[in-house]
Amino acid sequence: MFREARLDDFAHIVRLYRQLQPDDPALKDGSDAEVFRQILESPADWASSSWPAPCGPHRTRAATRRC
């Protein structure tokens, strides 16, 4: 099941990101949470046709490495 991300998901997303990218520096000034909030408040233009993603079975570049 999928659902839209919420602001209270941020800590869980950061924890997962740390597992996947342990060498990336952690931001301590709170700017990461602020950017996440801004993303959540922005319109979902990323799903429009202005960002073409022609590869993969679900039209996403992440769906296949052959893109």
PDB file of N, CA and C in Angstrom:
ATOM      1  N   MET A   1       0.833  -1.162   0.000  1.00  0.00           N
ATOM      2  CA  MET A   1       0.000   0.000   0.000  1.00  0.00           C
ATOM      3  C   MET A   1       0.891   1.243   0.000  1.00  0.00           C
ATOM      4  N   PHE A   2       0.482   2.230  -0.753  1.00  0.00           N
ATOM      5  CA  PHE A   2       1.203   3.494  -0.833  1.00  0.00           C
ATOM      6  C   PHE A   2       0.291   4.613  -0.363  1.00  0.00           C
ATOM      7  N   ARG A   3       0.891   5.632   0.205  1.00  0.00           N
ATOM      8  CA  ARG A   3       0.153   6.826   0.583  1.00  0.00           C
ATOM      9  C   ARG A   3       1.068   8.025   0.410  1.00  0.00           C
ATOM     10  N   GLU A   4       0.494   9.181   0.387  1.00  0.00           N
ATOM     11  CA  GLU A   4       1.267  10.408   0.259  1.00  0.00           C
ATOM     12  C   GLU A   4       2.059  10.638   1.545  1.00  0.00           C
ATOM     13  N   ALA A   5       3.281  11.113   1.391  1.00  0.00           N
ATOM     14  CA  ALA A   5       4.134  11.395   2.551  1.00  0.00           C
ATOM     15  C   ALA A   5       3.542  12.538   3.369  1.00  0.00           C
ATOM     16  N   ARG A   6       3.771  12.468   4.674  1.00  0.00           N
ATOM     17  CA  ARG A   6       3.334  13.506   5.601  1.00  0.00           C
ATOM     18  C   ARG A   6       4.550  14.035   6.349  1.00  0.00           C
ATOM     19  N   LEU A   7       4.395  15.186   6.946  1.00  0.00           N
ATOM     20  CA  LEU A   7       5.502  15.809   7.666  1.00  0.00           C
ATOM     21  C   LEU A   7       6.041  14.900   8.774  1.00  0.00           C
ATOM     22  N   ASP A   8       5.168  14.150   9.435  1.00  0.00           N
ATOM     23  CA  ASP A   8       5.646  13.279  10.509  1.00  0.00           C
ATOM     24  C   ASP A   8       6.374  12.038   9.995  1.00  0.00           C
ATOM     25  N   ASP A   9       6.465  11.872   8.694  1.00  0.00           N
ATOM     26  CA  ASP A   9       7.244  10.779   8.104  1.00  0.00           C
ATOM     27  C   ASP A   9       8.727  11.115   7.992  1.00  0.00           C
ATOM     28  N   PHE A  10       9.081  12.359   8.190  1.00  0.00           N
ATOM     29  CA  PHE A  10      10.445  12.812   7.930  1.00  0.00           C
ATOM     30  C   PHE A  10      11.498  12.014   8.700  1.00  0.00           C
ATOM     31  N   ALA A  11      11.295  11.798   9.979  1.00  0.00           N
ATOM     32  CA  ALA A  11      12.296  11.070  10.787  1.00  0.00           C
ATOM     33  C   ALA A  11      12.511   9.656  10.260  1.00  0.00           C
ATOM     34  N   HIS A  12      11.446   9.018   9.818  1.00  0.00           N
ATOM     35  CA  HIS A  12      11.559   7.660   9.282  1.00  0.00           C
ATOM     36  C   HIS A  12      12.291   7.650   7.939  1.00  0.00           C
ATOM     37  N   ILE A  13      12.024   8.660   7.122  1.00  0.00           N
ATOM     38  CA  ILE A  13      12.693   8.765   5.821  1.00  0.00           C
ATOM     39  C   ILE A  13      14.190   9.010   6.020  1.00  0.00           C
ATOM     40  N   VAL A  14      14.528   9.877   6.965  1.00  0.00           N
ATOM     41  CA  VAL A  14      15.941  10.152   7.250  1.00  0.00           C
ATOM     42  C   VAL A  14      16.638   8.897   7.762  1.00  0.00           C
ATOM     43  N   ARG A  15      15.974   8.149   8.624  1.00  0.00           N
ATOM     44  CA  ARG A  15      16.565   6.915   9.146  1.00  0.00           C
ATOM     45  C   ARG A  15      16.837   5.915   8.021  1.00  0.00           C
ATOM     46  N   LEU A  16      15.896   5.758   7.105  1.00  0.00           N
ATOM     47  CA  LEU A  16      16.105   4.881   5.960  1.00  0.00           C
ATOM     48  C   LEU A  16      17.230   5.401   5.076  1.00  0.00           C
ATOM     49  N   TYR A  17      17.246   6.702   4.831  1.00  0.00           N
ATOM     50  CA  TYR A  17      18.306   7.293   4.007  1.00  0.00           C
ATOM     51  C   TYR A  17      19.684   7.045   4.616  1.00  0.00           C
ATOM     52  N   ARG A  18      19.792   7.181   5.943  1.00  0.00           N
ATOM     53  CA  ARG A  18      21.074   6.929   6.625  1.00  0.00           C
ATOM     54  C   ARG A  18      21.532   5.486   6.428  1.00  0.00           C
ATOM     55  N   GLN A  19      20.608   4.552   6.387  1.00  0.00           N
ATOM     56  CA  GLN A  19      20.963   3.153   6.144  1.00  0.00           C
ATOM     57  C   GLN A  19      21.464   2.964   4.715  1.00  0.00           C
ATOM     58  N   LEU A  20      20.848   3.659   3.773  1.00  0.00           N
ATOM     59  CA  LEU A  20      21.205   3.504   2.363  1.00  0.00           C
ATOM     60  C   LEU A  20      22.440   4.306   1.978  1.00  0.00           C
ATOM     61  N   GLN A  21      22.652   5.441   2.623  1.00  0.00           N
ATOM     62  CA  GLN A  21      23.766   6.336   2.309  1.00  0.00           C
ATOM     63  C   GLN A  21      24.512   6.725   3.588  1.00  0.00           C
ATOM     64  N   PRO A  22      25.167   5.793   4.246  1.00  0.00           N
ATOM     65  CA  PRO A  22      25.768   6.089   5.550  1.00  0.00           C
ATOM     66  C   PRO A  22      26.920   7.088   5.500  1.00  0.00           C
ATOM     67  N   ASP A  23      27.533   7.287   4.355  1.00  0.00           N
ATOM     68  CA  ASP A  23      28.677   8.202   4.266  1.00  0.00           C
ATOM     69  C   ASP A  23      28.280   9.646   3.963  1.00  0.00           C
ATOM     70  N   ASP A  24      27.009   9.890   3.640  1.00  0.00           N
ATOM     71  CA  ASP A  24      26.576  11.266   3.395  1.00  0.00           C
ATOM     72  C   ASP A  24      26.564  12.039   4.708  1.00  0.00           C
ATOM     73  N   PRO A  25      27.006  13.283   4.682  1.00  0.00           N
ATOM     74  CA  PRO A  25      27.014  14.064   5.925  1.00  0.00           C
ATOM     75  C   PRO A  25      25.591  14.372   6.393  1.00  0.00           C
ATOM     76  N   ALA A  26      25.391  14.344   7.691  1.00  0.00           N
ATOM     77  CA  ALA A  26      24.089  14.681   8.275  1.00  0.00           C
ATOM     78  C   ALA A  26      24.004  16.189   8.457  1.00  0.00           C
ATOM     79  N   LEU A  27      22.876  16.763   8.090  1.00  0.00           N
ATOM     80  CA  LEU A  27      22.655  18.196   8.291  1.00  0.00           C
ATOM     81  C   LEU A  27      22.152  18.402   9.706  1.00  0.00           C
ATOM     82  N   LYS A  28      22.756  19.344  10.400  1.00  0.00           N
ATOM     83  CA  LYS A  28      22.393  19.565  11.800  1.00  0.00           C
ATOM     84  C   LYS A  28      21.672  20.890  12.008  1.00  0.00           C
ATOM     85  N   ASP A  29      21.471  21.651  10.942  1.00  0.00           N
ATOM     86  CA  ASP A  29      20.854  22.964  11.088  1.00  0.00           C
ATOM     87  C   ASP A  29      19.346  22.961  10.841  1.00  0.00           C
ATOM     88  N   GLY A  30      18.762  21.795  10.569  1.00  0.00           N
ATOM     89  CA  GLY A  30      17.325  21.716  10.341  1.00  0.00           C
ATOM     90  C   GLY A  30      16.889  22.044   8.933  1.00  0.00           C
ATOM     91  N   SER A  31      17.837  22.375   8.071  1.00  0.00           N
ATOM     92  CA  SER A  31      17.466  22.745   6.700  1.00  0.00           C
ATOM     93  C   SER A  31      16.872  21.570   5.934  1.00  0.00           C
ATOM     94  N   ASP A  32      17.262  20.346   6.291  1.00  0.00           N
ATOM     95  CA  ASP A  32      16.702  19.185   5.613  1.00  0.00           C
ATOM     96  C   ASP A  32      15.204  19.041   5.895  1.00  0.00           C
ATOM     97  N   ALA A  33      14.801  19.246   7.130  1.00  0.00           N
ATOM     98  CA  ALA A  33      13.380  19.181   7.490  1.00  0.00           C
ATOM     99  C   ALA A  33      12.600  20.307   6.829  1.00  0.00           C
ATOM    100  N   GLU A  34      13.213  21.474   6.735  1.00  0.00           N
ATOM    101  CA  GLU A  34      12.551  22.611   6.080  1.00  0.00           C
ATOM    102  C   GLU A  34      12.323  22.337   4.604  1.00  0.00           C
ATOM    103  N   VAL A  35      13.307  21.779   3.942  1.00  0.00           N
ATOM    104  CA  VAL A  35      13.159  21.449   2.519  1.00  0.00           C
ATOM    105  C   VAL A  35      12.085  20.375   2.332  1.00  0.00           C
ATOM    106  N   PHE A  36      12.058  19.383   3.217  1.00  0.00           N
ATOM    107  CA  PHE A  36      11.028  18.350   3.147  1.00  0.00           C
ATOM    108  C   PHE A  36       9.636  18.979   3.286  1.00  0.00           C
ATOM    109  N   ARG A  37       9.485  19.907   4.215  1.00  0.00           N
ATOM    110  CA  ARG A  37       8.215  20.609   4.392  1.00  0.00           C
ATOM    111  C   ARG A  37       7.826  21.365   3.129  1.00  0.00           C
ATOM    112  N   GLN A  38       8.795  22.049   2.508  1.00  0.00           N
ATOM    113  CA  GLN A  38       8.518  22.787   1.286  1.00  0.00           C
ATOM    114  C   GLN A  38       8.091  21.860   0.155  1.00  0.00           C
ATOM    115  N   ILE A  39       8.724  20.698   0.072  1.00  0.00           N
ATOM    116  CA  ILE A  39       8.356  19.726  -0.954  1.00  0.00           C
ATOM    117  C   ILE A  39       6.917  19.271  -0.744  1.00  0.00           C
ATOM    118  N   LEU A  40       6.558  18.976   0.494  1.00  0.00           N
ATOM    119  CA  LEU A  40       5.203  18.527   0.778  1.00  0.00           C
ATOM    120  C   LEU A  40       4.160  19.591   0.469  1.00  0.00           C
ATOM    121  N   GLU A  41       4.518  20.839   0.647  1.00  0.00           N
ATOM    122  CA  GLU A  41       3.577  21.928   0.405  1.00  0.00           C
ATOM    123  C   GLU A  41       3.519  22.370  -1.051  1.00  0.00           C
ATOM    124  N   SER A  42       4.440  21.890  -1.867  1.00  0.00           N
ATOM    125  CA  SER A  42       4.460  22.306  -3.270  1.00  0.00           C
ATOM    126  C   SER A  42       3.488  21.459  -4.086  1.00  0.00           C
ATOM    127  N   PRO A  43       3.001  22.011  -5.191  1.00  0.00           N
ATOM    128  CA  PRO A  43       2.109  21.225  -6.045  1.00  0.00           C
ATOM    129  C   PRO A  43       2.841  20.037  -6.659  1.00  0.00           C
ATOM    130  N   ALA A  44       2.113  19.025  -7.002  1.00  0.00           N
ATOM    131  CA  ALA A  44       2.697  17.790  -7.533  1.00  0.00           C
ATOM    132  C   ALA A  44       2.966  17.902  -9.031  1.00  0.00           C
ATOM    133  N   ASP A  45       3.694  18.913  -9.444  1.00  0.00           N
ATOM    134  CA  ASP A  45       4.023  19.088 -10.860  1.00  0.00           C
ATOM    135  C   ASP A  45       5.001  18.039 -11.365  1.00  0.00           C
ATOM    136  N   TRP A  46       5.692  17.354 -10.462  1.00  0.00           N
ATOM    137  CA  TRP A  46       6.670  16.354 -10.872  1.00  0.00           C
ATOM    138  C   TRP A  46       6.001  15.214 -11.621  1.00  0.00           C
ATOM    139  N   ALA A  47       4.712  15.015 -11.447  1.00  0.00           N
ATOM    140  CA  ALA A  47       4.006  13.911 -12.111  1.00  0.00           C
ATOM    141  C   ALA A  47       3.452  14.322 -13.467  1.00  0.00           C
ATOM    142  N   SER A  48       3.666  15.554 -13.854  1.00  0.00           N
ATOM    143  CA  SER A  48       3.108  16.017 -15.121  1.00  0.00           C
ATOM    144  C   SER A  48       3.979  15.579 -16.292  1.00  0.00           C
ATOM    145  N   SER A  49       3.492  15.825 -17.472  1.00  0.00           N
ATOM    146  CA  SER A  49       4.234  15.429 -18.673  1.00  0.00           C
ATOM    147  C   SER A  49       5.457  16.309 -18.916  1.00  0.00           C
ATOM    148  N   SER A  50       5.642  17.369 -18.121  1.00  0.00           N
ATOM    149  CA  SER A  50       6.816  18.214 -18.298  1.00  0.00           C
ATOM    150  C   SER A  50       8.093  17.525 -17.834  1.00  0.00           C
ATOM    151  N   TRP A  51       7.965  16.412 -17.118  1.00  0.00           N
ATOM    152  CA  TRP A  51       9.120  15.617 -16.692  1.00  0.00           C
ATOM    153  C   TRP A  51       8.985  14.238 -17.308  1.00  0.00           C
ATOM    154  N   PRO A  52       9.430  14.098 -18.544  1.00  0.00           N
ATOM    155  CA  PRO A  52       9.233  12.805 -19.204  1.00  0.00           C
ATOM    156  C   PRO A  52      10.122  11.722 -18.607  1.00  0.00           C
ATOM    157  N   ALA A  53       9.547  10.578 -18.396  1.00  0.00           N
ATOM    158  CA  ALA A  53      10.273   9.412 -17.916  1.00  0.00           C
ATOM    159  C   ALA A  53       9.806   8.220 -18.739  1.00  0.00           C
ATOM    160  N   PRO A  54      10.319   8.096 -19.966  1.00  0.00           N
ATOM    161  CA  PRO A  54       9.770   7.111 -20.885  1.00  0.00           C
ATOM    162  C   PRO A  54      10.176   5.674 -20.635  1.00  0.00           C
ATOM    163  N   CYS A  55      11.090   5.413 -19.741  1.00  0.00           N
ATOM    164  CA  CYS A  55      11.605   4.060 -19.560  1.00  0.00           C
ATOM    165  C   CYS A  55      10.842   3.312 -18.476  1.00  0.00           C
ATOM    166  N   GLY A  56      10.956   2.009 -18.509  1.00  0.00           N
ATOM    167  CA  GLY A  56      10.409   1.159 -17.462  1.00  0.00           C
ATOM    168  C   GLY A  56       8.942   0.860 -17.632  1.00  0.00           C
ATOM    169  N   PRO A  57       8.476  -0.179 -16.966  1.00  0.00           N
ATOM    170  CA  PRO A  57       7.093  -0.596 -17.129  1.00  0.00           C
ATOM    171  C   PRO A  57       6.087   0.391 -16.554  1.00  0.00           C
ATOM    172  N   HIS A  58       6.520   1.241 -15.625  1.00  0.00           N
ATOM    173  CA  HIS A  58       5.622   2.225 -15.027  1.00  0.00           C
ATOM    174  C   HIS A  58       6.007   3.639 -15.438  1.00  0.00           C
ATOM    175  N   ARG A  59       6.718   3.740 -16.550  1.00  0.00           N
ATOM    176  CA  ARG A  59       7.176   5.019 -17.085  1.00  0.00           C
ATOM    177  C   ARG A  59       8.038   5.779 -16.077  1.00  0.00           C
ATOM    178  N   THR A  60       8.872   5.045 -15.326  1.00  0.00           N
ATOM    179  CA  THR A  60       9.811   5.673 -14.405  1.00  0.00           C
ATOM    180  C   THR A  60      11.218   5.216 -14.727  1.00  0.00           C
ATOM    181  N   ARG A  61      12.153   6.090 -14.612  1.00  0.00           N
ATOM    182  CA  ARG A  61      13.546   5.736 -14.879  1.00  0.00           C
ATOM    183  C   ARG A  61      14.068   4.759 -13.841  1.00  0.00           C
ATOM    184  N   ALA A  62      13.534   4.811 -12.625  1.00  0.00           N
ATOM    185  CA  ALA A  62      14.008   3.921 -11.576  1.00  0.00           C
ATOM    186  C   ALA A  62      13.561   2.477 -11.801  1.00  0.00           C
ATOM    187  N   ALA A  63      12.607   2.263 -12.688  1.00  0.00           N
ATOM    188  CA  ALA A  63      12.074   0.918 -12.882  1.00  0.00           C
ATOM    189  C   ALA A  63      13.048   0.008 -13.633  1.00  0.00           C
ATOM    190  N   THR A  64      13.997   0.596 -14.318  1.00  0.00           N
ATOM    191  CA  THR A  64      14.933  -0.216 -15.080  1.00  0.00           C
ATOM    192  C   THR A  64      16.279   0.481 -15.177  1.00  0.00           C
ATOM    193  N   ARG A  65      17.337  -0.283 -15.233  1.00  0.00           N
ATOM    194  CA  ARG A  65      18.689   0.268 -15.368  1.00  0.00           C
ATOM    195  C   ARG A  65      19.067   0.472 -16.834  1.00  0.00           C
ATOM    196  N   ARG A  66      18.247   0.021 -17.750  1.00  0.00           N
ATOM    197  CA  ARG A  66      18.606   0.116 -19.166  1.00  0.00           C
ATOM    198  C   ARG A  66      18.248   1.450 -19.786  1.00  0.00           C
ATOM    199  N   CYS A  67      17.751   2.401 -19.028  1.00  0.00           N
ATOM    200  CA  CYS A  67      17.354   3.704 -19.583  1.00  0.00           C
ATOM    201  C   CYS A  67      18.569   4.537 -19.918  1.00  0.00           C
TER     202      CYS A  67
END
